[in-house]
Amino acid sequence: NAGGRSLTPPSLTEKKLFVGSSEGEVLAYNLSDGKPLWSYKTSEPVRFQPAVAKGQVFFTTDNGTIYGIDTGDSSDDGWYMWGGNAAHNGLTK
């Protein structure tokens, strides 16, 4: 919970962490220092972990709307699936 927001499990790339919130946001953080980089606001809660692939963040909202956001950085790559476990993110062997 960050400032009253319930957050999704994080999606990691080499340099960034992405989460969704019950307040209807997707947030990007610098993985090395935790500083916020940007946020994208929707009008609906985001309760499931975003997917990150080739400079795009994909997520769905409670009402079933699917979003695809260009992060502006093609190296944002690493979480292609909704759900799963840490092995999908390359964090375990």
PDB file of N, CA and C in Angstrom:
ATOM      1  N   ASN A   1       0.845  -1.169   0.000  1.00  0.00           N
ATOM      2  CA  ASN A   1       0.000   0.000   0.000  1.00  0.00           C
ATOM      3  C   ASN A   1       0.889   1.231   0.000  1.00  0.00           C
ATOM      4  N   ALA A   2       0.755   2.069  -1.007  1.00  0.00           N
ATOM      5  CA  ALA A   2       1.564   3.281  -1.121  1.00  0.00           C
ATOM      6  C   ALA A   2       0.634   4.488  -1.065  1.00  0.00           C
ATOM      7  N   GLY A   3       0.616   5.178   0.053  1.00  0.00           N
ATOM      8  CA  GLY A   3      -0.249   6.338   0.188  1.00  0.00           C
ATOM      9  C   GLY A   3      -1.725   5.993   0.063  1.00  0.00           C
ATOM     10  N   GLY A   4      -2.137   4.834   0.581  1.00  0.00           N
ATOM     11  CA  GLY A   4      -3.520   4.420   0.516  1.00  0.00           C
ATOM     12  C   GLY A   4      -3.883   3.619  -0.718  1.00  0.00           C
ATOM     13  N   ARG A   5      -2.918   3.428  -1.635  1.00  0.00           N
ATOM     14  CA  ARG A   5      -3.181   2.672  -2.859  1.00  0.00           C
ATOM     15  C   ARG A   5      -2.782   1.218  -2.669  1.00  0.00           C
ATOM     16  N   SER A   6      -3.633   0.314  -3.087  1.00  0.00           N
ATOM     17  CA  SER A   6      -3.253  -1.094  -3.164  1.00  0.00           C
ATOM     18  C   SER A   6      -2.548  -1.280  -4.489  1.00  0.00           C
ATOM     19  N   LEU A   7      -1.388  -1.929  -4.458  1.00  0.00           N
ATOM     20  CA  LEU A   7      -0.576  -2.097  -5.658  1.00  0.00           C
ATOM     21  C   LEU A   7      -0.572  -3.538  -6.138  1.00  0.00           C
ATOM     22  N   THR A   8      -0.401  -3.721  -7.441  1.00  0.00           N
ATOM     23  CA  THR A   8      -0.263  -5.043  -8.035  1.00  0.00           C
ATOM     24  C   THR A   8       1.136  -5.577  -7.721  1.00  0.00           C
ATOM     25  N   PRO A   9       1.372  -6.863  -7.949  1.00  0.00           N
ATOM     26  CA  PRO A   9       2.750  -7.338  -7.913  1.00  0.00           C
ATOM     27  C   PRO A   9       3.554  -6.570  -8.961  1.00  0.00           C
ATOM     28  N   PRO A  10       4.838  -6.367  -8.725  1.00  0.00           N
ATOM     29  CA  PRO A  10       5.641  -5.593  -9.681  1.00  0.00           C
ATOM     30  C   PRO A  10       6.017  -6.407 -10.911  1.00  0.00           C
ATOM     31  N   SER A  11       6.237  -5.700 -12.005  1.00  0.00           N
ATOM     32  CA  SER A  11       6.819  -6.253 -13.223  1.00  0.00           C
ATOM     33  C   SER A  11       8.189  -5.596 -13.367  1.00  0.00           C
ATOM     34  N   LEU A  12       9.226  -6.406 -13.512  1.00  0.00           N
ATOM     35  CA  LEU A  12      10.587  -5.889 -13.560  1.00  0.00           C
ATOM     36  C   LEU A  12      11.180  -5.980 -14.948  1.00  0.00           C
ATOM     37  N   THR A  13      11.973  -4.979 -15.281  1.00  0.00           N
ATOM     38  CA  THR A  13      12.836  -5.032 -16.453  1.00  0.00           C
ATOM     39  C   THR A  13      14.253  -4.837 -15.927  1.00  0.00           C
ATOM     40  N   GLU A  14      15.198  -4.678 -16.817  1.00  0.00           N
ATOM     41  CA  GLU A  14      16.589  -4.523 -16.381  1.00  0.00           C
ATOM     42  C   GLU A  14      16.789  -3.288 -15.505  1.00  0.00           C
ATOM     43  N   LYS A  15      16.058  -2.203 -15.802  1.00  0.00           N
ATOM     44  CA  LYS A  15      16.283  -0.939 -15.099  1.00  0.00           C
ATOM     45  C   LYS A  15      15.061  -0.352 -14.392  1.00  0.00           C
ATOM     46  N   LYS A  16      13.884  -0.961 -14.613  1.00  0.00           N
ATOM     47  CA  LYS A  16      12.666  -0.353 -14.089  1.00  0.00           C
ATOM     48  C   LYS A  16      11.748  -1.366 -13.430  1.00  0.00           C
ATOM     49  N   LEU A  17      10.847  -0.835 -12.608  1.00  0.00           N
ATOM     50  CA  LEU A  17       9.804  -1.607 -11.945  1.00  0.00           C
ATOM     51  C   LEU A  17       8.483  -0.938 -12.298  1.00  0.00           C
ATOM     52  N   PHE A  18       7.490  -1.735 -12.685  1.00  0.00           N
ATOM     53  CA  PHE A  18       6.169  -1.228 -13.057  1.00  0.00           C
ATOM     54  C   PHE A  18       5.115  -1.868 -12.162  1.00  0.00           C
ATOM     55  N   VAL A  19       4.166  -1.069 -11.670  1.00  0.00           N
ATOM     56  CA  VAL A  19       3.063  -1.583 -10.867  1.00  0.00           C
ATOM     57  C   VAL A  19       1.773  -0.876 -11.280  1.00  0.00           C
ATOM     58  N   GLY A  20       0.654  -1.545 -11.031  1.00  0.00           N
ATOM     59  CA  GLY A  20      -0.659  -0.933 -11.190  1.00  0.00           C
ATOM     60  C   GLY A  20      -1.219  -0.627  -9.821  1.00  0.00           C
ATOM     61  N   SER A  21      -2.228   0.234  -9.760  1.00  0.00           N
ATOM     62  CA  SER A  21      -2.817   0.581  -8.464  1.00  0.00           C
ATOM     63  C   SER A  21      -4.333   0.540  -8.507  1.00  0.00           C
ATOM     64  N   SER A  22      -4.921   0.359  -7.329  1.00  0.00           N
ATOM     65  CA  SER A  22      -6.376   0.380  -7.207  1.00  0.00           C
ATOM     66  C   SER A  22      -6.933   1.778  -7.473  1.00  0.00           C
ATOM     67  N   GLU A  23      -6.065   2.772  -7.497  1.00  0.00           N
ATOM     68  CA  GLU A  23      -6.470   4.143  -7.803  1.00  0.00           C
ATOM     69  C   GLU A  23      -6.528   4.389  -9.307  1.00  0.00           C
ATOM     70  N   GLY A  24      -6.223   3.356 -10.115  1.00  0.00           N
ATOM     71  CA  GLY A  24      -6.313   3.492 -11.565  1.00  0.00           C
ATOM     72  C   GLY A  24      -5.065   4.036 -12.217  1.00  0.00           C
ATOM     73  N   GLU A  25      -3.909   3.717 -11.658  1.00  0.00           N
ATOM     74  CA  GLU A  25      -2.654   4.189 -12.226  1.00  0.00           C
ATOM     75  C   GLU A  25      -1.733   3.026 -12.555  1.00  0.00           C
ATOM     76  N   VAL A  26      -0.860   3.249 -13.518  1.00  0.00           N
ATOM     77  CA  VAL A  26       0.311   2.401 -13.719  1.00  0.00           C
ATOM     78  C   VAL A  26       1.490   3.309 -13.458  1.00  0.00           C
ATOM     79  N   LEU A  27       2.400   2.828 -12.614  1.00  0.00           N
ATOM     80  CA  LEU A  27       3.535   3.632 -12.171  1.00  0.00           C
ATOM     81  C   LEU A  27       4.839   2.958 -12.567  1.00  0.00           C
ATOM     82  N   ALA A  28       5.823   3.771 -12.956  1.00  0.00           N
ATOM     83  CA  ALA A  28       7.147   3.272 -13.309  1.00  0.00           C
ATOM     84  C   ALA A  28       8.159   3.872 -12.329  1.00  0.00           C
ATOM     85  N   TYR A  29       9.057   3.002 -11.840  1.00  0.00           N
ATOM     86  CA  TYR A  29      10.091   3.419 -10.895  1.00  0.00           C
ATOM     87  C   TYR A  29      11.459   2.988 -11.395  1.00  0.00           C
ATOM     88  N   ASN A  30      12.473   3.760 -11.041  1.00  0.00           N
ATOM     89  CA  ASN A  30      13.846   3.384 -11.314  1.00  0.00           C
ATOM     90  C   ASN A  30      14.199   2.240 -10.378  1.00  0.00           C
ATOM     91  N   LEU A  31      14.649   1.127 -10.924  1.00  0.00           N
ATOM     92  CA  LEU A  31      14.920  -0.059 -10.119  1.00  0.00           C
ATOM     93  C   LEU A  31      16.107   0.141  -9.188  1.00  0.00           C
ATOM     94  N   SER A  32      17.098   0.931  -9.588  1.00  0.00           N
ATOM     95  CA  SER A  32      18.305   1.070  -8.769  1.00  0.00           C
ATOM     96  C   SER A  32      18.106   1.945  -7.538  1.00  0.00           C
ATOM     97  N   ASP A  33      17.255   2.978  -7.622  1.00  0.00           N
ATOM     98  CA  ASP A  33      17.092   3.858  -6.462  1.00  0.00           C
ATOM     99  C   ASP A  33      15.644   4.030  -6.001  1.00  0.00           C
ATOM    100  N   GLY A  34      14.691   3.418  -6.711  1.00  0.00           N
ATOM    101  CA  GLY A  34      13.288   3.484  -6.313  1.00  0.00           C
ATOM    102  C   GLY A  34      12.588   4.790  -6.619  1.00  0.00           C
ATOM    103  N   LYS A  35      13.239   5.698  -7.316  1.00  0.00           N
ATOM    104  CA  LYS A  35      12.616   6.989  -7.618  1.00  0.00           C
ATOM    105  C   LYS A  35      11.536   6.836  -8.684  1.00  0.00           C
ATOM    106  N   PRO A  36      10.407   7.546  -8.506  1.00  0.00           N
ATOM    107  CA  PRO A  36       9.347   7.502  -9.509  1.00  0.00           C
ATOM    108  C   PRO A  36       9.837   8.106 -10.827  1.00  0.00           C
ATOM    109  N   LEU A  37       9.461   7.460 -11.946  1.00  0.00           N
ATOM    110  CA  LEU A  37       9.822   7.964 -13.267  1.00  0.00           C
ATOM    111  C   LEU A  37       8.618   8.583 -13.963  1.00  0.00           C
ATOM    112  N   TRP A  38       7.483   7.898 -13.934  1.00  0.00           N
ATOM    113  CA  TRP A  38       6.262   8.419 -14.536  1.00  0.00           C
ATOM    114  C   TRP A  38       5.062   7.620 -14.029  1.00  0.00           C
ATOM    115  N   SER A  39       3.879   8.157 -14.294  1.00  0.00           N
ATOM    116  CA  SER A  39       2.645   7.427 -14.002  1.00  0.00           C
ATOM    117  C   SER A  39       1.650   7.706 -15.118  1.00  0.00           C
ATOM    118  N   TYR A  40       0.741   6.768 -15.306  1.00  0.00           N
ATOM    119  CA  TYR A  40      -0.319   6.894 -16.301  1.00  0.00           C
ATOM    120  C   TYR A  40      -1.629   6.650 -15.569  1.00  0.00           C
ATOM    121  N   LYS A  41      -2.551   7.585 -15.648  1.00  0.00           N
ATOM    122  CA  LYS A  41      -3.813   7.519 -14.913  1.00  0.00           C
ATOM    123  C   LYS A  41      -4.950   7.072 -15.822  1.00  0.00           C
ATOM    124  N   THR A  42      -5.716   6.098 -15.331  1.00  0.00           N
ATOM    125  CA  THR A  42      -6.946   5.685 -16.002  1.00  0.00           C
ATOM    126  C   THR A  42      -8.106   6.036 -15.075  1.00  0.00           C
ATOM    127  N   SER A  43      -9.314   5.793 -15.524  1.00  0.00           N
ATOM    128  CA  SER A  43     -10.476   6.067 -14.666  1.00  0.00           C
ATOM    129  C   SER A  43     -10.970   4.803 -13.978  1.00  0.00           C
ATOM    130  N   GLU A  44     -10.205   3.694 -14.117  1.00  0.00           N
ATOM    131  CA  GLU A  44     -10.627   2.409 -13.556  1.00  0.00           C
ATOM    132  C   GLU A  44      -9.469   1.771 -12.790  1.00  0.00           C
ATOM    133  N   PRO A  45      -9.749   1.029 -11.711  1.00  0.00           N
ATOM    134  CA  PRO A  45      -8.683   0.358 -10.957  1.00  0.00           C
ATOM    135  C   PRO A  45      -7.896  -0.639 -11.822  1.00  0.00           C
ATOM    136  N   VAL A  46      -6.594  -0.710 -11.549  1.00  0.00           N
ATOM    137  CA  VAL A  46      -5.701  -1.685 -12.187  1.00  0.00           C
ATOM    138  C   VAL A  46      -5.294  -2.652 -11.086  1.00  0.00           C
ATOM    139  N   ARG A  47      -5.785  -3.882 -11.152  1.00  0.00           N
ATOM    140  CA  ARG A  47      -5.552  -4.834 -10.071  1.00  0.00           C
ATOM    141  C   ARG A  47      -4.638  -5.991 -10.453  1.00  0.00           C
ATOM    142  N   PHE A  48      -4.295  -6.111 -11.741  1.00  0.00           N
ATOM    143  CA  PHE A  48      -3.445  -7.206 -12.182  1.00  0.00           C
ATOM    144  C   PHE A  48      -2.114  -6.671 -12.687  1.00  0.00           C
ATOM    145  N   GLN A  49      -1.092  -7.436 -12.486  1.00  0.00           N
ATOM    146  CA  GLN A  49       0.274  -7.092 -12.848  1.00  0.00           C
ATOM    147  C   GLN A  49       0.396  -6.717 -14.325  1.00  0.00           C
ATOM    148  N   PRO A  50       1.038  -5.579 -14.622  1.00  0.00           N
ATOM    149  CA  PRO A  50       1.238  -5.204 -16.022  1.00  0.00           C
ATOM    150  C   PRO A  50       2.198  -6.169 -16.728  1.00  0.00           C
ATOM    151  N   ALA A  51       2.062  -6.264 -18.043  1.00  0.00           N
ATOM    152  CA  ALA A  51       3.012  -6.999 -18.876  1.00  0.00           C
ATOM    153  C   ALA A  51       3.907  -5.953 -19.549  1.00  0.00           C
ATOM    154  N   VAL A  52       5.213  -6.229 -19.626  1.00  0.00           N
ATOM    155  CA  VAL A  52       6.165  -5.285 -20.209  1.00  0.00           C
ATOM    156  C   VAL A  52       6.911  -5.987 -21.335  1.00  0.00           C
ATOM    157  N   ALA A  53       6.825  -5.432 -22.546  1.00  0.00           N
ATOM    158  CA  ALA A  53       7.457  -6.069 -23.705  1.00  0.00           C
ATOM    159  C   ALA A  53       7.900  -5.025 -24.721  1.00  0.00           C
ATOM    160  N   LYS A  54       9.197  -5.000 -24.968  1.00  0.00           N
ATOM    161  CA  LYS A  54       9.781  -4.198 -26.053  1.00  0.00           C
ATOM    162  C   LYS A  54       9.321  -2.745 -26.053  1.00  0.00           C
ATOM    163  N   GLY A  55       9.411  -2.100 -24.902  1.00  0.00           N
ATOM    164  CA  GLY A  55       9.066  -0.691 -24.802  1.00  0.00           C
ATOM    165  C   GLY A  55       7.591  -0.397 -24.657  1.00  0.00           C
ATOM    166  N   GLN A  56       6.799  -1.414 -24.359  1.00  0.00           N
ATOM    167  CA  GLN A  56       5.369  -1.243 -24.167  1.00  0.00           C
ATOM    168  C   GLN A  56       4.954  -1.833 -22.818  1.00  0.00           C
ATOM    169  N   VAL A  57       4.022  -1.184 -22.154  1.00  0.00           N
ATOM    170  CA  VAL A  57       3.411  -1.726 -20.936  1.00  0.00           C
ATOM    171  C   VAL A  57       1.950  -1.999 -21.265  1.00  0.00           C
ATOM    172  N   PHE A  58       1.528  -3.229 -21.024  1.00  0.00           N
ATOM    173  CA  PHE A  58       0.152  -3.639 -21.286  1.00  0.00           C
ATOM    174  C   PHE A  58      -0.516  -3.982 -19.959  1.00  0.00           C
ATOM    175  N   PHE A  59      -1.748  -3.518 -19.792  1.00  0.00           N
ATOM    176  CA  PHE A  59      -2.469  -3.821 -18.553  1.00  0.00           C
ATOM    177  C   PHE A  59      -3.956  -3.749 -18.809  1.00  0.00           C
ATOM    178  N   THR A  60      -4.702  -4.347 -17.910  1.00  0.00           N
ATOM    179  CA  THR A  60      -6.161  -4.326 -17.998  1.00  0.00           C
ATOM    180  C   THR A  60      -6.729  -3.694 -16.736  1.00  0.00           C
ATOM    181  N   THR A  61      -7.939  -3.162 -16.855  1.00  0.00           N
ATOM    182  CA  THR A  61      -8.600  -2.540 -15.716  1.00  0.00           C
ATOM    183  C   THR A  61      -9.763  -3.421 -15.252  1.00  0.00           C
ATOM    184  N   ASP A  62     -10.354  -3.044 -14.130  1.00  0.00           N
ATOM    185  CA  ASP A  62     -11.484  -3.806 -13.575  1.00  0.00           C
ATOM    186  C   ASP A  62     -12.642  -3.958 -14.563  1.00  0.00           C
ATOM    187  N   ASN A  63     -12.851  -2.980 -15.420  1.00  0.00           N
ATOM    188  CA  ASN A  63     -13.967  -3.033 -16.371  1.00  0.00           C
ATOM    189  C   ASN A  63     -13.605  -3.750 -17.660  1.00  0.00           C
ATOM    190  N   GLY A  64     -12.371  -4.289 -17.739  1.00  0.00           N
ATOM    191  CA  GLY A  64     -11.966  -5.063 -18.908  1.00  0.00           C
ATOM    192  C   GLY A  64     -11.300  -4.267 -20.011  1.00  0.00           C
ATOM    193  N   THR A  65     -11.059  -2.991 -19.781  1.00  0.00           N
ATOM    194  CA  THR A  65     -10.355  -2.189 -20.770  1.00  0.00           C
ATOM    195  C   THR A  65      -8.893  -2.627 -20.806  1.00  0.00           C
ATOM    196  N   ILE A  66      -8.344  -2.795 -22.009  1.00  0.00           N
ATOM    197  CA  ILE A  66      -6.940  -3.166 -22.159  1.00  0.00           C
ATOM    198  C   ILE A  66      -6.182  -1.964 -22.706  1.00  0.00           C
ATOM    199  N   TYR A  67      -5.072  -1.637 -22.049  1.00  0.00           N
ATOM    200  CA  TYR A  67      -4.234  -0.515 -22.447  1.00  0.00           C
ATOM    201  C   TYR A  67      -2.877  -1.009 -22.915  1.00  0.00           C
ATOM    202  N   GLY A  68      -2.283  -0.293 -23.847  1.00  0.00           N
ATOM    203  CA  GLY A  68      -0.901  -0.482 -24.247  1.00  0.00           C
ATOM    204  C   GLY A  68      -0.249   0.882 -24.282  1.00  0.00           C
ATOM    205  N   ILE A  69       0.775   1.079 -23.459  1.00  0.00           N
ATOM    206  CA  ILE A  69       1.436   2.377 -23.341  1.00  0.00           C
ATOM    207  C   ILE A  69       2.870   2.252 -23.830  1.00  0.00           C
ATOM    208  N   ASP A  70       3.300   3.170 -24.679  1.00  0.00           N
ATOM    209  CA  ASP A  70       4.685   3.235 -25.117  1.00  0.00           C
ATOM    210  C   ASP A  70       5.495   3.901 -24.006  1.00  0.00           C
ATOM    211  N   THR A  71       6.506   3.202 -23.502  1.00  0.00           N
ATOM    212  CA  THR A  71       7.319   3.750 -22.404  1.00  0.00           C
ATOM    213  C   THR A  71       8.377   4.730 -22.887  1.00  0.00           C
ATOM    214  N   GLY A  72       8.643   4.741 -24.187  1.00  0.00           N
ATOM    215  CA  GLY A  72       9.683   5.602 -24.715  1.00  0.00           C
ATOM    216  C   GLY A  72      11.070   4.999 -24.614  1.00  0.00           C
ATOM    217  N   ASP A  73      11.161   3.748 -24.148  1.00  0.00           N
ATOM    218  CA  ASP A  73      12.451   3.079 -23.979  1.00  0.00           C
ATOM    219  C   ASP A  73      12.315   1.620 -24.410  1.00  0.00           C
ATOM    220  N   SER A  74      12.877   1.281 -25.566  1.00  0.00           N
ATOM    221  CA  SER A  74      12.729  -0.076 -26.097  1.00  0.00           C
ATOM    222  C   SER A  74      13.416  -1.132 -25.237  1.00  0.00           C
ATOM    223  N   SER A  75      14.282  -0.712 -24.311  1.00  0.00           N
ATOM    224  CA  SER A  75      14.916  -1.689 -23.413  1.00  0.00           C
ATOM    225  C   SER A  75      13.995  -2.107 -22.272  1.00  0.00           C
ATOM    226  N   ASP A  76      12.821  -1.470 -22.159  1.00  0.00           N
ATOM    227  CA  ASP A  76      11.820  -1.913 -21.184  1.00  0.00           C
ATOM    228  C   ASP A  76      11.223  -3.204 -21.714  1.00  0.00           C
ATOM    229  N   ASP A  77      11.760  -4.315 -21.259  1.00  0.00           N
ATOM    230  CA  ASP A  77      11.401  -5.613 -21.795  1.00  0.00           C
ATOM    231  C   ASP A  77      11.622  -6.650 -20.709  1.00  0.00           C
ATOM    232  N   GLY A  78      10.648  -7.540 -20.519  1.00  0.00           N
ATOM    233  CA  GLY A  78      10.927  -8.571 -19.549  1.00  0.00           C
ATOM    234  C   GLY A  78       9.758  -9.294 -18.936  1.00  0.00           C
ATOM    235  N   TRP A  79       8.579  -8.752 -18.950  1.00  0.00           N
ATOM    236  CA  TRP A  79       7.450  -9.454 -18.327  1.00  0.00           C
ATOM    237  C   TRP A  79       6.358  -9.572 -19.369  1.00  0.00           C
ATOM    238  N   TYR A  80       6.288 -10.712 -20.050  1.00  0.00           N
ATOM    239  CA  TYR A  80       5.364 -10.887 -21.163  1.00  0.00           C
ATOM    240  C   TYR A  80       4.028 -11.461 -20.743  1.00  0.00           C
ATOM    241  N   MET A  81       3.907 -11.982 -19.544  1.00  0.00           N
ATOM    242  CA  MET A  81       2.691 -12.688 -19.165  1.00  0.00           C
ATOM    243  C   MET A  81       2.010 -12.048 -17.973  1.00  0.00           C
ATOM    244  N   TRP A  82       0.693 -12.106 -17.965  1.00  0.00           N
ATOM    245  CA  TRP A  82      -0.052 -11.781 -16.760  1.00  0.00           C
ATOM    246  C   TRP A  82      -0.067 -13.025 -15.898  1.00  0.00           C
ATOM    247  N   GLY A  83       0.096 -12.848 -14.614  1.00  0.00           N
ATOM    248  CA  GLY A  83       0.103 -13.993 -13.700  1.00  0.00           C
ATOM    249  C   GLY A  83       1.428 -14.720 -13.762  1.00  0.00           C
ATOM    250  N   GLY A  84       1.463 -15.934 -13.252  1.00  0.00           N
ATOM    251  CA  GLY A  84       2.702 -16.705 -13.256  1.00  0.00           C
ATOM    252  C   GLY A  84       3.478 -16.511 -11.968  1.00  0.00           C
ATOM    253  N   ASN A  85       4.784 -16.714 -12.059  1.00  0.00           N
ATOM    254  CA  ASN A  85       5.629 -16.582 -10.871  1.00  0.00           C
ATOM    255  C   ASN A  85       6.938 -15.891 -11.248  1.00  0.00           C
ATOM    256  N   ALA A  86       7.857 -15.804 -10.308  1.00  0.00           N
ATOM    257  CA  ALA A  86       9.112 -15.078 -10.529  1.00  0.00           C
ATOM    258  C   ALA A  86       9.954 -15.681 -11.648  1.00  0.00           C
ATOM    259  N   ALA A  87       9.793 -16.965 -11.944  1.00  0.00           N
ATOM    260  CA  ALA A  87      10.573 -17.601 -13.011  1.00  0.00           C
ATOM    261  C   ALA A  87      10.283 -16.954 -14.368  1.00  0.00           C
ATOM    262  N   HIS A  88       9.080 -16.446 -14.567  1.00  0.00           N
ATOM    263  CA  HIS A  88       8.745 -15.776 -15.816  1.00  0.00           C
ATOM    264  C   HIS A  88       9.519 -14.479 -15.968  1.00  0.00           C
ATOM    265  N   ASN A  89       9.988 -13.926 -14.901  1.00  0.00           N
ATOM    266  CA  ASN A  89      10.689 -12.650 -14.916  1.00  0.00           C
ATOM    267  C   ASN A  89      12.198 -12.836 -14.906  1.00  0.00           C
ATOM    268  N   GLY A  90      12.669 -14.083 -14.988  1.00  0.00           N
ATOM    269  CA  GLY A  90      14.103 -14.325 -14.994  1.00  0.00           C
ATOM    270  C   GLY A  90      14.745 -14.176 -13.629  1.00  0.00           C
ATOM    271  N   LEU A  91      13.942 -14.157 -12.581  1.00  0.00           N
ATOM    272  CA  LEU A  91      14.487 -13.945 -11.241  1.00  0.00           C
ATOM    273  C   LEU A  91      14.894 -15.240 -10.554  1.00  0.00           C
ATOM    274  N   THR A  92      14.455 -16.361 -11.065  1.00  0.00           N
ATOM    275  CA  THR A  92      14.839 -17.639 -10.485  1.00  0.00           C
ATOM    276  C   THR A  92      15.348 -18.542 -11.599  1.00  0.00           C
ATOM    277  N   LYS A  93      16.042 -19.570 -11.223  1.00  0.00           N
ATOM    278  CA  LYS A  93      16.565 -20.494 -12.239  1.00  0.00           C
ATOM    279  C   LYS A  93      15.739 -21.742 -12.296  1.00  0.00           C
TER     280      LYS A  93
END
